[in-house]
């Protein structure tokens, strides 16, 4: 209760736009579960959307654990983005995992695209296939893209791709794969706008 009150107060006074990146380990720990409950209850009072973090080491069950805790606190999962879903390896059946998650309502965060990730060496071709598979499965309204760019080696000043990796590196690959411009616009503009828009709660 104290954590919820603190989060709600900070959200109001600091004019937060979202709650995130809320993380859990390969096996959710008790303190992580507590934080997920607190953040979920904060969402119910504030309306703020929730971003989550799943481990980069490919953990299909982590998303399910997160959704179960979040939903248990009365959150509509359409107000949630499950993060790092592009780090799933082939052995963990990305399409089956993504489909099972999307059917419950949240956004699928394919948010490690356009550059190499140190802990998840998933080829860009596989990430393009993830997008294509989700589109073929009818979930174009639930795809979010981002780079998760945070390593100084990725800065343009250090000869990396910089912050423009989604637009400059990944989107051209989607275009080459045949994704229509209308669909790309929906993924890049409409989906984030729908996810981030919220009606402030009474707190």
C-alpha atoms as a PDB file:
ATOM      1  CA  UNK A   1       0.000   0.000   0.000  1.00  0.00           C
ATOM      2  CA  UNK A   2       2.834   2.404   0.825  1.00  0.00           C
ATOM      3  CA  UNK A   3       4.527   1.702  -2.499  1.00  0.00           C
ATOM      4  CA  UNK A   4       1.287   2.300  -4.396  1.00  0.00           C
ATOM      5  CA  UNK A   5       0.745   5.627  -2.629  1.00  0.00           C
ATOM      6  CA  UNK A   6       4.283   6.728  -3.443  1.00  0.00           C
ATOM      7  CA  UNK A   7       3.955   5.726  -7.095  1.00  0.00           C
ATOM      8  CA  UNK A   8       0.585   7.451  -7.474  1.00  0.00           C
ATOM      9  CA  UNK A   9       1.904  10.641  -5.863  1.00  0.00           C
ATOM     10  CA  UNK A  10       4.981  10.709  -8.089  1.00  0.00           C
ATOM     11  CA  UNK A  11       2.909   9.956 -11.182  1.00  0.00           C
ATOM     12  CA  UNK A  12       0.655  12.934 -10.479  1.00  0.00           C
ATOM     13  CA  UNK A  13       3.255  15.478  -9.378  1.00  0.00           C
ATOM     14  CA  UNK A  14       5.829  14.522 -12.020  1.00  0.00           C
ATOM     15  CA  UNK A  15       3.217  14.083 -14.769  1.00  0.00           C
ATOM     16  CA  UNK A  16       4.309  10.622 -15.820  1.00  0.00           C
ATOM     17  CA  UNK A  17       3.216   9.306 -19.211  1.00  0.00           C
ATOM     18  CA  UNK A  18       3.680   5.585 -18.535  1.00  0.00           C
ATOM     19  CA  UNK A  19       4.778   3.018 -15.955  1.00  0.00           C
ATOM     20  CA  UNK A  20       7.869   1.076 -16.977  1.00  0.00           C
ATOM     21  CA  UNK A  21      10.123  -0.654 -17.695  1.00  0.00           C
ATOM     22  CA  UNK A  22       8.795  -3.102 -15.068  1.00  0.00           C
ATOM     23  CA  UNK A  23      11.065  -6.135 -14.995  1.00  0.00           C
ATOM     24  CA  UNK A  24      11.063  -9.722 -13.846  1.00  0.00           C
ATOM     25  CA  UNK A  25      13.767 -12.396 -13.803  1.00  0.00           C
ATOM     26  CA  UNK A  26      13.730 -15.761 -15.560  1.00  0.00           C
ATOM     27  CA  UNK A  27      11.818 -16.928 -12.497  1.00  0.00           C
ATOM     28  CA  UNK A  28       9.764 -14.135 -10.971  1.00  0.00           C
ATOM     29  CA  UNK A  29      10.990 -13.312  -7.470  1.00  0.00           C
ATOM     30  CA  UNK A  30       8.718 -12.342  -4.571  1.00  0.00           C
ATOM     31  CA  UNK A  31       9.863  -8.709  -4.581  1.00  0.00           C
ATOM     32  CA  UNK A  32       9.306  -8.523  -8.339  1.00  0.00           C
ATOM     33  CA  UNK A  33       5.822  -9.919  -7.906  1.00  0.00           C
ATOM     34  CA  UNK A  34       5.172  -7.259  -5.253  1.00  0.00           C
ATOM     35  CA  UNK A  35       6.334  -4.503  -7.593  1.00  0.00           C
ATOM     36  CA  UNK A  36       4.122  -5.819 -10.397  1.00  0.00           C
ATOM     37  CA  UNK A  37       1.123  -5.777  -8.047  1.00  0.00           C
ATOM     38  CA  UNK A  38       1.940  -2.243  -6.916  1.00  0.00           C
ATOM     39  CA  UNK A  39       2.431  -0.962 -10.453  1.00  0.00           C
ATOM     40  CA  UNK A  40      -0.798  -2.615 -11.573  1.00  0.00           C
ATOM     41  CA  UNK A  41      -2.744  -1.004  -8.751  1.00  0.00           C
ATOM     42  CA  UNK A  42      -1.095   2.316  -9.617  1.00  0.00           C
ATOM     43  CA  UNK A  43      -2.341   1.887 -13.179  1.00  0.00           C
ATOM     44  CA  UNK A  44      -5.893   1.276 -11.955  1.00  0.00           C
ATOM     45  CA  UNK A  45      -5.790   4.605 -10.092  1.00  0.00           C
ATOM     46  CA  UNK A  46      -3.927   6.677 -12.700  1.00  0.00           C
ATOM     47  CA  UNK A  47      -4.749   5.109 -16.066  1.00  0.00           C
ATOM     48  CA  UNK A  48      -1.058   5.098 -17.046  1.00  0.00           C
ATOM     49  CA  UNK A  49      -0.086   2.397 -19.568  1.00  0.00           C
ATOM     50  CA  UNK A  50       2.427  -0.240 -18.454  1.00  0.00           C
ATOM     51  CA  UNK A  51       5.634  -1.321 -20.214  1.00  0.00           C
ATOM     52  CA  UNK A  52       7.232  -4.540 -19.009  1.00  0.00           C
ATOM     53  CA  UNK A  53      10.699  -6.054 -19.376  1.00  0.00           C
ATOM     54  CA  UNK A  54      11.214  -9.756 -19.973  1.00  0.00           C
ATOM     55  CA  UNK A  55      14.736 -11.222 -19.836  1.00  0.00           C
ATOM     56  CA  UNK A  56      16.784 -11.005 -23.020  1.00  0.00           C
ATOM     57  CA  UNK A  57      17.730 -14.665 -22.568  1.00  0.00           C
ATOM     58  CA  UNK A  58      14.495 -15.864 -24.232  1.00  0.00           C
ATOM     59  CA  UNK A  59      11.805 -16.574 -21.642  1.00  0.00           C
ATOM     60  CA  UNK A  60       8.351 -17.354 -23.040  1.00  0.00           C
ATOM     61  CA  UNK A  61       6.912 -18.137 -19.605  1.00  0.00           C
ATOM     62  CA  UNK A  62       7.970 -14.742 -18.217  1.00  0.00           C
ATOM     63  CA  UNK A  63       5.330 -12.920 -20.238  1.00  0.00           C
ATOM     64  CA  UNK A  64       2.630 -15.259 -18.940  1.00  0.00           C
ATOM     65  CA  UNK A  65       3.760 -14.761 -15.346  1.00  0.00           C
ATOM     66  CA  UNK A  66       3.701 -10.994 -15.789  1.00  0.00           C
ATOM     67  CA  UNK A  67       0.257 -10.969 -17.374  1.00  0.00           C
ATOM     68  CA  UNK A  68      -1.164 -13.208 -14.663  1.00  0.00           C
ATOM     69  CA  UNK A  69      -0.021 -10.851 -11.895  1.00  0.00           C
ATOM     70  CA  UNK A  70      -1.085  -7.717 -13.754  1.00  0.00           C
ATOM     71  CA  UNK A  71      -4.503  -9.074 -14.649  1.00  0.00           C
ATOM     72  CA  UNK A  72      -5.085 -10.276 -11.074  1.00  0.00           C
ATOM     73  CA  UNK A  73      -5.051  -6.631  -9.977  1.00  0.00           C
ATOM     74  CA  UNK A  74      -7.863  -5.647 -12.330  1.00  0.00           C
ATOM     75  CA  UNK A  75      -5.821  -4.299 -15.249  1.00  0.00           C
ATOM     76  CA  UNK A  76      -7.167  -4.477 -18.793  1.00  0.00           C
ATOM     77  CA  UNK A  77      -4.234  -6.092 -20.620  1.00  0.00           C
ATOM     78  CA  UNK A  78      -4.821  -3.901 -23.676  1.00  0.00           C
ATOM     79  CA  UNK A  79      -3.149  -1.169 -21.594  1.00  0.00           C
ATOM     80  CA  UNK A  80       0.048  -3.251 -21.314  1.00  0.00           C
ATOM     81  CA  UNK A  81       3.049  -3.777 -23.601  1.00  0.00           C
ATOM     82  CA  UNK A  82       5.024  -6.963 -22.962  1.00  0.00           C
ATOM     83  CA  UNK A  83       8.627  -6.080 -23.687  1.00  0.00           C
ATOM     84  CA  UNK A  84      11.553  -7.741 -25.475  1.00  0.00           C
ATOM     85  CA  UNK A  85       9.434 -10.246 -27.338  1.00  0.00           C
ATOM     86  CA  UNK A  86      11.909 -10.181 -30.228  1.00  0.00           C
ATOM     87  CA  UNK A  87      14.477 -11.954 -28.057  1.00  0.00           C
ATOM     88  CA  UNK A  88      12.702 -15.318 -28.234  1.00  0.00           C
ATOM     89  CA  UNK A  89      14.803 -18.039 -29.834  1.00  0.00           C
ATOM     90  CA  UNK A  90      13.453 -20.484 -32.401  1.00  0.00           C
ATOM     91  CA  UNK A  91      13.332 -23.291 -29.840  1.00  0.00           C
ATOM     92  CA  UNK A  92      10.790 -21.280 -27.838  1.00  0.00           C
ATOM     93  CA  UNK A  93       8.364 -20.976 -30.780  1.00  0.00           C
ATOM     94  CA  UNK A  94       8.117 -17.196 -31.220  1.00  0.00           C
ATOM     95  CA  UNK A  95       4.908 -17.345 -33.265  1.00  0.00           C
ATOM     96  CA  UNK A  96       3.128 -19.657 -30.824  1.00  0.00           C
ATOM     97  CA  UNK A  97       4.286 -17.589 -27.866  1.00  0.00           C
ATOM     98  CA  UNK A  98       3.410 -14.257 -29.483  1.00  0.00           C
ATOM     99  CA  UNK A  99       0.006 -15.525 -30.548  1.00  0.00           C
ATOM    100  CA  UNK A 100      -0.829 -16.839 -27.075  1.00  0.00           C
ATOM    101  CA  UNK A 101       0.156 -13.495 -25.558  1.00  0.00           C
ATOM    102  CA  UNK A 102      -1.620 -11.349 -28.143  1.00  0.00           C
ATOM    103  CA  UNK A 103      -4.865 -13.269 -27.712  1.00  0.00           C
ATOM    104  CA  UNK A 104      -4.964 -12.055 -24.110  1.00  0.00           C
ATOM    105  CA  UNK A 105      -4.922  -8.448 -25.316  1.00  0.00           C
ATOM    106  CA  UNK A 106      -1.540  -6.762 -24.672  1.00  0.00           C
ATOM    107  CA  UNK A 107       0.797  -5.200 -27.195  1.00  0.00           C
ATOM    108  CA  UNK A 108       3.755  -7.292 -28.352  1.00  0.00           C
ATOM    109  CA  UNK A 109       6.926  -5.260 -27.838  1.00  0.00           C
ATOM    110  CA  UNK A 110       9.345  -6.183 -30.622  1.00  0.00           C
ATOM    111  CA  UNK A 111      11.650  -3.617 -29.111  1.00  0.00           C
ATOM    112  CA  UNK A 112      15.194  -4.793 -29.799  1.00  0.00           C
ATOM    113  CA  UNK A 113      15.312  -4.218 -33.558  1.00  0.00           C
ATOM    114  CA  UNK A 114      17.784  -2.502 -35.852  1.00  0.00           C
ATOM    115  CA  UNK A 115      21.009  -3.419 -34.054  1.00  0.00           C
ATOM    116  CA  UNK A 116      22.735  -6.352 -32.412  1.00  0.00           C
ATOM    117  CA  UNK A 117      21.881  -7.146 -28.805  1.00  0.00           C
ATOM    118  CA  UNK A 118      24.654  -8.454 -26.574  1.00  0.00           C
ATOM    119  CA  UNK A 119      22.591 -11.090 -24.752  1.00  0.00           C
ATOM    120  CA  UNK A 120      20.234 -12.118 -27.541  1.00  0.00           C
ATOM    121  CA  UNK A 121      21.846 -12.826 -30.863  1.00  0.00           C
ATOM    122  CA  UNK A 122      18.609 -13.020 -32.829  1.00  0.00           C
ATOM    123  CA  UNK A 123      19.217 -12.313 -36.543  1.00  0.00           C
ATOM    124  CA  UNK A 124      17.301  -9.390 -38.001  1.00  0.00           C
ATOM    125  CA  UNK A 125      15.795 -11.753 -40.563  1.00  0.00           C
ATOM    126  CA  UNK A 126      14.179 -13.672 -37.700  1.00  0.00           C
ATOM    127  CA  UNK A 127      12.785 -10.437 -36.258  1.00  0.00           C
ATOM    128  CA  UNK A 128      11.318  -9.497 -39.617  1.00  0.00           C
ATOM    129  CA  UNK A 129       9.712 -12.949 -39.705  1.00  0.00           C
ATOM    130  CA  UNK A 130       8.216 -12.309 -36.255  1.00  0.00           C
ATOM    131  CA  UNK A 131       6.514  -9.189 -37.587  1.00  0.00           C
ATOM    132  CA  UNK A 132       5.315 -10.987 -40.710  1.00  0.00           C
ATOM    133  CA  UNK A 133       3.946 -13.895 -38.699  1.00  0.00           C
ATOM    134  CA  UNK A 134       2.046 -11.574 -36.360  1.00  0.00           C
ATOM    135  CA  UNK A 135       0.600  -9.740 -39.351  1.00  0.00           C
ATOM    136  CA  UNK A 136      -0.459 -13.007 -40.964  1.00  0.00           C
ATOM    137  CA  UNK A 137      -2.076 -14.038 -37.663  1.00  0.00           C
ATOM    138  CA  UNK A 138      -4.156 -10.835 -37.617  1.00  0.00           C
ATOM    139  CA  UNK A 139      -2.410  -8.947 -34.799  1.00  0.00           C
ATOM    140  CA  UNK A 140      -1.221  -5.842 -36.659  1.00  0.00           C
ATOM    141  CA  UNK A 141      -2.992  -3.625 -34.101  1.00  0.00           C
ATOM    142  CA  UNK A 142      -0.836  -5.029 -31.278  1.00  0.00           C
ATOM    143  CA  UNK A 143       2.713  -4.672 -32.625  1.00  0.00           C
ATOM    144  CA  UNK A 144       5.109  -2.094 -31.174  1.00  0.00           C
ATOM    145  CA  UNK A 145       8.650  -1.506 -32.440  1.00  0.00           C
ATOM    146  CA  UNK A 146      11.601   0.054 -30.650  1.00  0.00           C
ATOM    147  CA  UNK A 147      15.380  -0.324 -30.605  1.00  0.00           C
ATOM    148  CA  UNK A 148      16.116  -0.627 -26.865  1.00  0.00           C
ATOM    149  CA  UNK A 149      19.249   1.334 -27.777  1.00  0.00           C
ATOM    150  CA  UNK A 150      21.245   2.060 -24.629  1.00  0.00           C
ATOM    151  CA  UNK A 151      24.842   0.989 -25.204  1.00  0.00           C
ATOM    152  CA  UNK A 152      27.339   3.832 -25.919  1.00  0.00           C
ATOM    153  CA  UNK A 153      28.912   1.651 -28.597  1.00  0.00           C
ATOM    154  CA  UNK A 154      25.676   2.079 -30.548  1.00  0.00           C
ATOM    155  CA  UNK A 155      25.910   5.902 -30.620  1.00  0.00           C
ATOM    156  CA  UNK A 156      26.612   7.400 -34.035  1.00  0.00           C
ATOM    157  CA  UNK A 157      29.575   9.220 -32.491  1.00  0.00           C
ATOM    158  CA  UNK A 158      31.049   5.763 -31.875  1.00  0.00           C
ATOM    159  CA  UNK A 159      30.200   4.521 -35.381  1.00  0.00           C
ATOM    160  CA  UNK A 160      27.021   2.782 -34.277  1.00  0.00           C
ATOM    161  CA  UNK A 161      23.555   3.148 -35.819  1.00  0.00           C
ATOM    162  CA  UNK A 162      22.334   5.619 -33.196  1.00  0.00           C
ATOM    163  CA  UNK A 163      18.748   6.232 -32.144  1.00  0.00           C
ATOM    164  CA  UNK A 164      17.355   5.899 -35.670  1.00  0.00           C
ATOM    165  CA  UNK A 165      17.757   2.132 -35.937  1.00  0.00           C
ATOM    166  CA  UNK A 166      14.048   1.369 -36.243  1.00  0.00           C
ATOM    167  CA  UNK A 167      13.490   3.786 -39.110  1.00  0.00           C
ATOM    168  CA  UNK A 168      16.842   3.511 -40.848  1.00  0.00           C
ATOM    169  CA  UNK A 169      17.723  -0.160 -40.315  1.00  0.00           C
ATOM    170  CA  UNK A 170      14.582  -2.181 -39.598  1.00  0.00           C
ATOM    171  CA  UNK A 171      11.724  -0.544 -41.503  1.00  0.00           C
ATOM    172  CA  UNK A 172      13.516  -0.899 -44.869  1.00  0.00           C
ATOM    173  CA  UNK A 173      13.754  -4.627 -44.167  1.00  0.00           C
ATOM    174  CA  UNK A 174       9.996  -4.745 -43.568  1.00  0.00           C
ATOM    175  CA  UNK A 175       9.431  -2.873 -46.823  1.00  0.00           C
ATOM    176  CA  UNK A 176      11.702  -5.298 -48.667  1.00  0.00           C
ATOM    177  CA  UNK A 177       9.743  -8.195 -47.165  1.00  0.00           C
ATOM    178  CA  UNK A 178       6.559  -6.736 -48.631  1.00  0.00           C
ATOM    179  CA  UNK A 179       4.862  -5.097 -45.646  1.00  0.00           C
ATOM    180  CA  UNK A 180       2.529  -2.399 -47.081  1.00  0.00           C
ATOM    181  CA  UNK A 181       3.171   1.256 -46.255  1.00  0.00           C
ATOM    182  CA  UNK A 182      -0.272   1.488 -44.628  1.00  0.00           C
ATOM    183  CA  UNK A 183       0.624  -1.308 -42.229  1.00  0.00           C
ATOM    184  CA  UNK A 184       4.021   0.167 -41.419  1.00  0.00           C
ATOM    185  CA  UNK A 185       2.349   3.487 -40.627  1.00  0.00           C
ATOM    186  CA  UNK A 186      -0.092   1.727 -38.315  1.00  0.00           C
ATOM    187  CA  UNK A 187       2.765  -0.010 -36.470  1.00  0.00           C
ATOM    188  CA  UNK A 188       4.931   3.117 -36.180  1.00  0.00           C
ATOM    189  CA  UNK A 189       2.278   5.766 -35.504  1.00  0.00           C
ATOM    190  CA  UNK A 190      -1.191   4.469 -34.736  1.00  0.00           C
ATOM    191  CA  UNK A 191      -0.262   1.622 -32.396  1.00  0.00           C
ATOM    192  CA  UNK A 192       2.012   3.712 -30.127  1.00  0.00           C
ATOM    193  CA  UNK A 193      -0.588   6.476 -30.082  1.00  0.00           C
ATOM    194  CA  UNK A 194      -3.311   4.050 -29.012  1.00  0.00           C
ATOM    195  CA  UNK A 195      -1.082   2.459 -26.391  1.00  0.00           C
ATOM    196  CA  UNK A 196       0.185   5.715 -24.862  1.00  0.00           C
ATOM    197  CA  UNK A 197      -3.124   7.587 -24.863  1.00  0.00           C
ATOM    198  CA  UNK A 198      -4.910   7.419 -21.528  1.00  0.00           C
ATOM    199  CA  UNK A 199      -7.555   9.178 -19.504  1.00  0.00           C
ATOM    200  CA  UNK A 200      -5.992  10.219 -16.180  1.00  0.00           C
ATOM    201  CA  UNK A 201      -7.568   8.489 -13.210  1.00  0.00           C
ATOM    202  CA  UNK A 202      -8.818  10.269 -10.151  1.00  0.00           C
ATOM    203  CA  UNK A 203      -5.842   8.854  -8.163  1.00  0.00           C
END
